[in-house]
Each structure stands twice: as C-alpha cells, then as structure tokens.
Protein backbone atom coordinates (compact mmCIF):
# COMPACT_ATOMS: atom_id res chain seq x y z
CA MET A 1 0.00 0.00 0.00
CA LYS A 2 2.82 2.33 0.94
CA LYS A 3 4.63 1.51 -2.33
CA SER A 4 1.47 2.27 -4.30
CA LEU A 5 1.01 5.61 -2.54
CA LEU A 6 4.67 6.46 -3.16
CA ALA A 7 4.38 5.56 -6.86
CA LEU A 8 1.22 7.67 -7.19
CA ALA A 9 2.91 10.63 -5.51
CA VAL A 10 5.93 10.38 -7.85
CA LEU A 11 3.70 10.07 -10.93
CA THR A 12 1.64 13.09 -9.83
CA ALA A 13 4.80 15.17 -9.28
CA VAL A 14 6.26 14.22 -12.67
CA THR A 15 2.95 14.93 -14.48
CA GLY A 16 2.63 18.29 -12.73
CA ALA A 17 6.18 19.27 -13.70
CA ALA A 18 5.55 18.30 -17.34
CA SER A 19 2.29 20.24 -17.54
CA ALA A 20 3.96 23.29 -16.00
CA GLN A 21 6.42 23.31 -18.93
CA SER A 22 3.70 23.52 -21.59
CA SER A 23 0.45 25.50 -21.70
CA VAL A 24 -2.29 26.58 -24.11
CA THR A 25 -4.47 29.63 -23.46
CA LEU A 26 -7.85 30.46 -24.99
CA TYR A 27 -8.53 34.20 -25.27
CA GLY A 28 -10.76 36.60 -27.15
CA LYS A 29 -12.60 39.87 -27.50
CA VAL A 30 -16.23 40.81 -28.01
CA ASP A 31 -16.69 44.40 -29.17
CA LEU A 32 -20.15 45.74 -30.05
CA GLY A 33 -20.85 49.41 -30.64
CA LEU A 34 -23.27 51.88 -32.14
CA VAL A 35 -21.67 53.72 -35.07
CA VAL A 36 -23.19 56.86 -36.59
CA ASP A 37 -21.45 58.21 -39.71
CA SER A 38 -22.36 61.55 -41.29
CA GLY A 39 -20.97 64.00 -43.81
CA SER A 40 -21.49 61.80 -46.85
CA ALA A 41 -23.41 62.84 -49.96
CA SER A 42 -25.25 59.52 -49.63
CA GLY A 43 -26.59 60.47 -46.22
CA LYS A 44 -26.19 59.22 -42.66
CA SER A 45 -25.30 55.65 -41.69
CA VAL A 46 -26.52 54.22 -38.35
CA ARG A 47 -25.49 50.67 -37.50
CA ILE A 48 -24.30 48.21 -34.88
CA ALA A 49 -20.68 47.31 -35.57
CA SER A 50 -18.45 44.48 -34.38
CA GLY A 51 -14.91 45.63 -33.62
CA VAL A 52 -14.92 49.41 -33.10
CA THR A 53 -11.94 49.48 -30.70
CA GLY A 54 -10.44 46.29 -32.12
CA GLY A 55 -11.78 43.36 -34.09
CA SER A 56 -13.91 40.82 -32.23
CA ARG A 57 -11.79 37.68 -32.11
CA ILE A 58 -11.06 34.30 -30.60
CA GLY A 59 -7.59 32.82 -30.40
CA PHE A 60 -5.21 30.30 -28.93
CA LYS A 61 -1.73 30.85 -27.54
CA GLY A 62 0.63 28.06 -26.62
CA VAL A 63 4.12 27.89 -25.15
CA GLU A 64 6.49 25.04 -24.33
CA ASP A 65 9.63 25.34 -22.23
CA LEU A 66 12.40 23.56 -24.15
CA GLY A 67 14.98 24.02 -21.43
CA GLY A 68 18.18 26.04 -21.43
CA GLY A 69 16.19 29.25 -21.63
CA MET A 70 14.56 28.36 -24.96
CA LYS A 71 10.80 28.31 -25.56
CA ALA A 72 8.62 27.34 -28.51
CA ALA A 73 5.30 29.14 -28.92
CA PHE A 74 2.43 29.63 -31.34
CA GLN A 75 -0.55 31.94 -31.82
CA LEU A 76 -3.67 31.26 -33.89
CA GLU A 77 -6.33 33.99 -34.04
CA THR A 78 -9.49 34.40 -36.09
CA GLY A 79 -11.99 37.21 -36.31
CA TYR A 80 -15.76 36.86 -36.20
CA CYS A 81 -18.79 39.11 -36.60
CA ALA A 82 -20.49 39.67 -33.24
CA ASP A 83 -23.26 41.74 -34.83
CA SER A 84 -24.34 39.57 -37.77
CA ALA A 85 -23.47 36.61 -39.96
CA ALA A 86 -23.43 38.50 -43.23
CA GLY A 87 -21.85 36.43 -45.96
CA ALA A 88 -20.82 32.80 -45.76
CA PRO A 89 -18.36 32.56 -44.24
CA ASN A 90 -17.64 35.98 -42.77
CA PHE A 91 -14.82 36.36 -40.26
CA CYS A 92 -15.03 40.20 -40.23
CA THR A 93 -11.28 40.84 -39.86
CA GLY A 94 -8.03 39.35 -41.09
CA SER A 95 -8.91 39.57 -44.79
CA ASN A 96 -12.11 37.69 -43.90
CA GLN A 97 -10.21 34.40 -43.63
CA PHE A 98 -10.34 31.74 -40.92
CA MET A 99 -7.35 32.30 -38.60
CA GLY A 100 -6.68 35.30 -40.82
CA ARG A 101 -5.85 37.69 -37.99
CA GLN A 102 -2.71 35.87 -36.86
CA ALA A 103 -1.15 32.45 -37.38
CA HIS A 104 2.51 32.13 -36.48
CA GLY A 105 5.09 30.02 -34.67
CA ASP A 106 7.87 31.44 -32.47
CA LEU A 107 11.18 30.41 -30.97
CA THR A 108 12.72 32.49 -28.18
CA GLY A 109 15.90 32.25 -26.15
CA ALA A 110 19.07 34.06 -25.19
CA PHE A 111 19.56 34.86 -28.90
CA GLY A 112 16.30 36.83 -29.05
CA ALA A 113 13.07 35.82 -30.81
CA ILE A 114 12.21 34.45 -34.26
CA SER A 115 8.61 34.37 -35.49
CA ALA A 116 7.28 33.06 -38.80
CA GLY A 117 3.80 33.07 -40.37
CA ARG A 118 1.05 35.68 -40.65
CA GLN A 119 1.65 38.38 -38.06
CA TYR A 120 1.46 42.10 -37.34
CA SER A 121 4.10 44.21 -39.05
CA LEU A 122 6.74 46.09 -37.07
CA GLY A 123 5.38 49.37 -38.43
CA PHE A 124 1.84 48.63 -37.28
CA ASN A 125 3.02 47.60 -33.80
CA ASN A 126 4.91 50.89 -33.50
CA LEU A 127 1.93 52.93 -34.69
CA SER A 128 -0.54 51.17 -32.36
CA THR A 129 1.71 51.77 -29.36
CA VAL A 130 1.97 55.51 -30.05
CA ASP A 131 -1.64 56.20 -31.10
CA PRO A 132 -3.72 57.20 -28.02
CA PHE A 133 -6.66 55.35 -29.63
CA GLY A 134 -4.55 52.24 -30.25
CA THR A 135 -5.56 52.26 -33.95
CA GLY A 136 -9.21 51.84 -32.97
CA PHE A 137 -12.30 54.00 -32.31
CA ALA A 138 -13.35 56.82 -34.64
CA GLY A 139 -10.27 58.82 -33.65
CA GLN A 140 -7.69 56.28 -34.80
CA THR A 141 -4.52 57.47 -36.48
CA ASN A 142 -5.20 55.11 -39.38
CA ASN A 143 -7.96 57.34 -40.76
CA SER A 144 -5.46 59.76 -42.28
CA SER A 145 -3.13 58.18 -44.50
CA ALA A 146 0.06 56.61 -45.64
CA SER A 147 -1.80 55.32 -48.67
CA GLY A 148 -5.35 56.39 -49.35
CA LEU A 149 -6.96 56.52 -45.92
CA TYR A 150 -4.35 54.78 -43.81
CA MET A 151 -1.09 55.58 -42.06
CA ILE A 152 -0.60 51.82 -42.31
CA ASP A 153 -2.57 50.55 -45.29
CA PRO A 154 -4.47 47.26 -44.87
CA SER A 155 -1.79 45.23 -46.66
CA GLY A 156 0.79 46.51 -44.17
CA ILE A 157 -1.09 45.73 -40.94
CA ARG A 158 -0.54 41.96 -41.11
CA LEU A 159 2.08 40.29 -43.27
CA ASN A 160 1.70 36.90 -44.94
CA ASN A 161 4.67 34.57 -45.39
CA SER A 162 6.74 36.68 -43.02
CA VAL A 163 9.74 36.08 -40.78
CA THR A 164 10.66 38.45 -37.94
CA TYR A 165 13.74 38.50 -35.73
CA SER A 166 14.05 40.62 -32.56
CA THR A 167 17.10 41.01 -30.38
CA PRO A 168 16.95 40.43 -26.63
CA ASN A 169 15.76 43.38 -24.59
CA MET A 170 18.86 45.39 -23.66
CA ALA A 171 17.96 47.83 -20.88
CA GLY A 172 14.70 48.65 -22.67
CA LEU A 173 16.17 48.73 -26.18
CA THR A 174 15.10 46.21 -28.85
CA ALA A 175 15.94 45.99 -32.56
CA SER A 176 13.91 43.98 -35.07
CA VAL A 177 13.93 43.08 -38.77
CA GLU A 178 11.24 41.46 -40.90
CA ALA A 179 10.72 40.10 -44.39
CA ALA A 180 7.49 39.00 -46.09
CA LEU A 181 7.85 37.06 -49.31
CA GLY A 182 5.49 37.55 -52.23
CA GLU A 183 6.10 33.91 -53.19
CA GLN A 184 5.58 34.44 -56.91
CA THR A 185 7.27 31.76 -59.01
CA GLY A 186 9.89 33.26 -61.28
CA ASN A 187 9.96 36.63 -59.50
CA TRP A 188 10.61 36.30 -55.78
CA ARG A 189 11.00 40.09 -55.42
CA SER A 190 7.41 40.73 -56.56
CA ASN A 191 5.36 42.37 -53.76
CA ARG A 192 8.09 41.54 -51.26
CA GLU A 193 8.09 43.54 -48.02
CA THR A 194 11.10 44.21 -45.83
CA GLY A 195 11.18 46.23 -42.64
CA ALA A 196 13.04 47.12 -39.47
CA ALA A 197 12.37 48.77 -36.14
CA VAL A 198 14.22 50.05 -33.11
CA THR A 199 12.19 50.61 -29.95
CA TYR A 200 12.91 51.76 -26.42
CA ALA A 201 10.47 51.10 -23.57
CA SER A 202 11.41 51.76 -19.97
CA GLY A 203 9.23 53.10 -17.17
CA PRO A 204 7.05 55.97 -18.42
CA VAL A 205 8.82 56.38 -21.78
CA TYR A 206 8.35 54.65 -25.13
CA ALA A 207 10.10 55.63 -28.35
CA GLY A 208 10.05 53.76 -31.63
CA PHE A 209 11.34 54.13 -35.17
CA SER A 210 10.10 51.77 -37.88
CA PHE A 211 10.64 51.43 -41.61
CA TYR A 212 9.17 49.21 -44.26
CA ASP A 213 9.63 48.89 -47.99
CA VAL A 214 6.91 47.28 -50.13
CA GLY A 215 8.09 46.04 -53.51
CA ASN A 216 6.01 46.57 -56.64
CA ALA A 217 4.34 43.78 -58.60
CA ALA A 218 7.09 43.77 -61.21
CA GLY A 219 9.73 43.24 -58.54
CA ASN A 220 11.99 45.99 -59.92
CA GLY A 221 11.40 48.76 -57.39
CA ALA A 222 9.49 50.02 -54.38
CA ALA A 223 5.75 50.58 -54.47
CA LYS A 224 6.03 52.37 -51.15
CA LYS A 225 8.47 53.24 -48.38
CA VAL A 226 7.17 54.24 -44.94
CA TYR A 227 9.22 55.85 -42.14
CA THR A 228 7.54 56.29 -38.74
CA LEU A 229 8.98 57.88 -35.60
CA GLY A 230 6.81 58.06 -32.49
CA ALA A 231 6.99 58.37 -28.72
CA THR A 232 4.86 58.45 -25.58
CA TRP A 233 5.64 59.84 -22.14
CA ASP A 234 3.44 58.98 -19.17
CA LEU A 235 3.62 61.79 -16.60
CA GLY A 236 0.99 60.20 -14.35
CA VAL A 237 -1.48 63.08 -14.53
CA ILE A 238 -1.31 63.00 -18.34
CA LYS A 239 0.25 60.85 -21.04
CA LEU A 240 1.68 62.60 -24.11
CA HIS A 241 1.74 61.04 -27.60
CA GLY A 242 3.60 62.25 -30.66
CA LEU A 243 4.27 60.83 -34.11
CA GLY A 244 5.81 61.85 -37.41
CA GLN A 245 5.68 59.86 -40.64
CA ARG A 246 6.97 60.12 -44.18
CA VAL A 247 5.66 58.01 -47.04
CA THR A 248 7.25 57.93 -50.48
CA GLY A 249 6.57 55.95 -53.64
CA PRO A 250 5.72 56.67 -57.26
CA SER A 251 5.00 60.25 -58.29
CA THR A 252 1.42 59.93 -57.02
CA LEU A 253 2.51 59.04 -53.46
CA ASP A 254 4.37 61.46 -51.21
CA ASN A 255 2.86 62.15 -47.80
CA ALA A 256 4.00 63.64 -44.52
CA ASN A 257 1.86 62.97 -41.43
CA LEU A 258 1.99 64.41 -37.94
CA MET A 259 0.03 63.38 -34.84
CA ALA A 260 -0.15 64.92 -31.36
CA GLY A 261 -2.30 63.30 -28.69
CA VAL A 262 -3.00 62.88 -24.99
CA THR A 263 -4.41 60.31 -22.60
CA LEU A 264 -5.90 61.97 -19.54
CA PRO A 265 -7.18 60.03 -16.49
CA VAL A 266 -10.64 61.38 -15.60
CA ALA A 267 -13.27 59.97 -13.20
CA GLY A 268 -11.85 56.47 -13.14
CA GLY A 269 -11.47 56.23 -16.91
CA ASN A 270 -9.33 57.79 -19.64
CA VAL A 271 -10.04 60.68 -22.00
CA LEU A 272 -8.34 60.08 -25.37
CA ALA A 273 -7.66 62.90 -27.82
CA SER A 274 -5.52 63.55 -30.87
CA TYR A 275 -4.94 65.95 -33.74
CA ILE A 276 -3.60 64.68 -37.06
CA ARG A 277 -2.21 66.65 -39.97
CA HIS A 278 -2.00 64.84 -43.30
CA ASN A 279 0.15 66.70 -45.82
CA ASP A 280 -0.08 65.51 -49.42
CA ARG A 281 3.21 66.62 -50.96
CA THR A 282 2.26 65.70 -54.53
CA SER A 283 0.82 68.12 -57.09
CA GLY A 284 -2.69 67.01 -56.02
CA ASP A 285 -2.15 68.68 -52.62
CA LYS A 286 -5.07 66.74 -51.09
CA ASP A 287 -4.46 67.60 -47.46
CA ALA A 288 -6.58 66.74 -44.44
CA ASN A 289 -6.85 67.53 -40.73
CA GLN A 290 -8.46 65.24 -38.17
CA ILE A 291 -9.53 65.79 -34.58
CA GLY A 292 -10.63 62.90 -32.39
CA VAL A 293 -11.81 62.62 -28.80
CA GLY A 294 -13.01 59.62 -26.81
CA TYR A 295 -13.57 58.20 -23.35
CA LEU A 296 -12.89 54.68 -22.13
CA TYR A 297 -14.30 53.63 -18.76
CA PRO A 298 -13.54 50.23 -17.20
CA LEU A 299 -16.52 48.47 -15.61
CA SER A 300 -14.15 45.67 -14.51
CA LYS A 301 -10.70 44.39 -15.39
CA ARG A 302 -12.10 42.83 -18.56
CA THR A 303 -15.10 44.96 -19.56
CA SER A 304 -15.16 48.62 -20.59
CA VAL A 305 -17.68 51.06 -22.02
CA TYR A 306 -16.46 53.55 -24.63
CA THR A 307 -17.50 56.52 -26.69
CA ALA A 308 -15.64 58.50 -29.35
CA PHE A 309 -16.11 61.17 -32.00
CA ALA A 310 -13.87 62.22 -34.88
CA ARG A 311 -14.08 64.67 -37.75
CA ILE A 312 -11.86 65.03 -40.81
CA GLN A 313 -11.51 68.35 -42.59
CA ASN A 314 -10.79 67.47 -46.22
CA LEU A 315 -8.95 70.06 -48.31
CA HIS A 316 -8.34 70.55 -52.03
CA GLY A 317 -10.57 67.71 -53.15
CA ALA A 318 -9.48 65.14 -50.56
CA ALA A 319 -12.18 62.65 -49.59
CA TYR A 320 -10.86 60.82 -46.51
CA LEU A 321 -13.35 58.98 -44.29
CA VAL A 322 -13.64 58.40 -40.53
CA GLY A 323 -13.57 54.68 -39.86
CA ASN A 324 -12.68 52.49 -36.88
CA ALA A 325 -10.62 49.38 -36.19
CA THR A 326 -12.57 47.21 -38.67
CA GLU A 327 -14.48 49.62 -40.92
CA GLN A 328 -13.43 52.23 -43.44
CA GLY A 329 -16.41 54.46 -42.65
CA THR A 330 -18.83 56.30 -44.94
CA GLY A 331 -18.46 60.00 -44.04
CA ASP A 332 -16.08 62.63 -42.72
CA LYS A 333 -17.62 62.47 -39.21
CA ALA A 334 -18.33 59.50 -36.94
CA PHE A 335 -19.67 58.82 -33.43
CA ASN A 336 -19.13 55.57 -31.49
CA PHE A 337 -20.71 54.20 -28.31
CA GLY A 338 -20.28 50.62 -27.16
CA VAL A 339 -18.98 47.94 -24.83
CA VAL A 340 -15.89 45.75 -25.19
CA HIS A 341 -15.20 42.58 -23.19
CA ASN A 342 -11.88 40.73 -23.17
CA PHE A 343 -11.60 37.13 -22.03
C-alpha cells in the first residue's frame, strides 16, 4: 500500500512538472458598438458594428519550455462578426479568412526571438503603441493616411509569409527586422516587403522608429516606403503622444503625417484625444486635418464602455473617411458608443 502511494505521488509530481512546462491559453474579445457616420453625400449611416476598438476575435496561444532558456510558442487567431453573420463565411477581420488575424510560430531564447507566419508588421506595432486610440475608435490614427486613408494601409497591418527577428531586450532597447515574401514563381521580389524597427520602452517612456519597404508587382522597385517615428511619455497626470511619418513611392505618393495626442485620467477612466495633420506633398495637394476625442471607462478588469467622436476636414478635393478598427467608414464624421469585453 505504501509503495502504491509512493508511486502515485511520484507520478503526480512528474505529471505536474511536465504540464507546467507547456500550456495553451484560450482568449478573445467581443466588441459591439453603435456607429453613426455623417458628412457623406449619400446620407447618414446608423449601425451596430463588431470591432470598433479592435476586431472581435477568438484565439489560442501556446508555449512550451524547451529548457536552457529556450521556448517554442504559437498563436492562432481568427476574427468573427459579433453583430451579424453576413456572408458565408464571414470572419469580419483578417482579410475575412479563418485564422486570418494571426497564425505564427515562435522560438525564443538568449539569442532573441524568431517568429514566422502571418503576423502584425513592425510598423503597425509601433503605430498602435503611439496612437492614443490604439488604432481603434473613430479617432484612430489610421484614418489619415500613408496610402489612401491609412497611415498603415491594410496590406501593411498583417504580413503573410513573413519572418521576424528581434534582439533580446537590452535595458529597454530592442531591434527587429522582418521580411514577407510575395512567393511568386519566377519573381521572388514581386510584392516583397522588408522592414526594421528600433524601440525603447522603460518606465514611463516609449520611443520607436520603424521602416518598411513594399516592392512593386514587377519586382523591380518600391511601391512604397514608410518611415515612422513616435513616442509616448506617461507623466501620471497626463500621457503625451507624438508621431511623425513620411511616405514615399511613385510620383502619385508622397505624404507627410503628424500626430499629437494625450491620454488623460478622468473619473476612473481615460479621456483620449488627438490631432492629425495629413500633408499631401504631390501636385494634387489633397491635405486633411483630423480631430478625435473619446472616453474609455472600465466596468471591470475585462469589460469597458467607450465613446468617441472624430471629424476630418478634407482640403483641395481630398475625400478621406472616418472609420474604426474594422471599418473604413462612410463619411467625414463618426460617433461611437459601445462595450468591449476581453476574455
């Protein structure tokens, strides 16, 4: 009897140690909000939207301790429509594909981190960190543009067939490089994307510089080059946000963008505000100015209520729209009110 009890205790200890070395986590987000767009010649749009602050999603994260400081990990994440089932299928975000938001495998250790698959670009991660709206809500930085309506255009938010390497964190400083292959037979440079970033995050300060180069379809030049420098400084009573961006490409693409924003703790929540200047440096001179303001109030650690408003002043024939994290929008003004729950 004693031997049996001893064997059971040993087996339990070994099983517990093994399970502690490997884990899988289920997580997700449900975001439902009222969106009211106006300022369009077609009239007002009033709707319930899924993913105003960030796309509604469900995902899995896994990690295994390989020993010697090395870990293997993965992340699989798909979007879904919390407001409707329009289309068949319809995953709402991630190019409307199953597991289209993220699907990548990682290896980390003393050497740094390597990640391969479909994942967020270095430029988008930098922009989201600096934007007081986190590239969501009506006031998001992405409304006013690196290409068309976006500081990071949709093709540059997530990268297919990509490999990213990041150095270990050195007193807050990290450097990263990425490459996304177009995978076209006979022309491997076609639509290829390469990028790099250097970020510093320590205490109340974040600063990041990112660059990416998108190759053209012919594979003989750049369709676009984007340089982004941004920073935040949390002073406790107020958090300051600032960003500058330059976008170059063919003769029809030459933009300079500036953003100044604040996060202000008020009544248990946060007031979010930003001003964006979009300067079209081409002969078209289609400039735009955007102001955005919002409020995010936590009802618990996982659930928050939000509201936001943004307006774009289009100049010289520009026609930019106020969208949100998952929608392009229909007019130059938009109001949001909703609830987001993270699990």
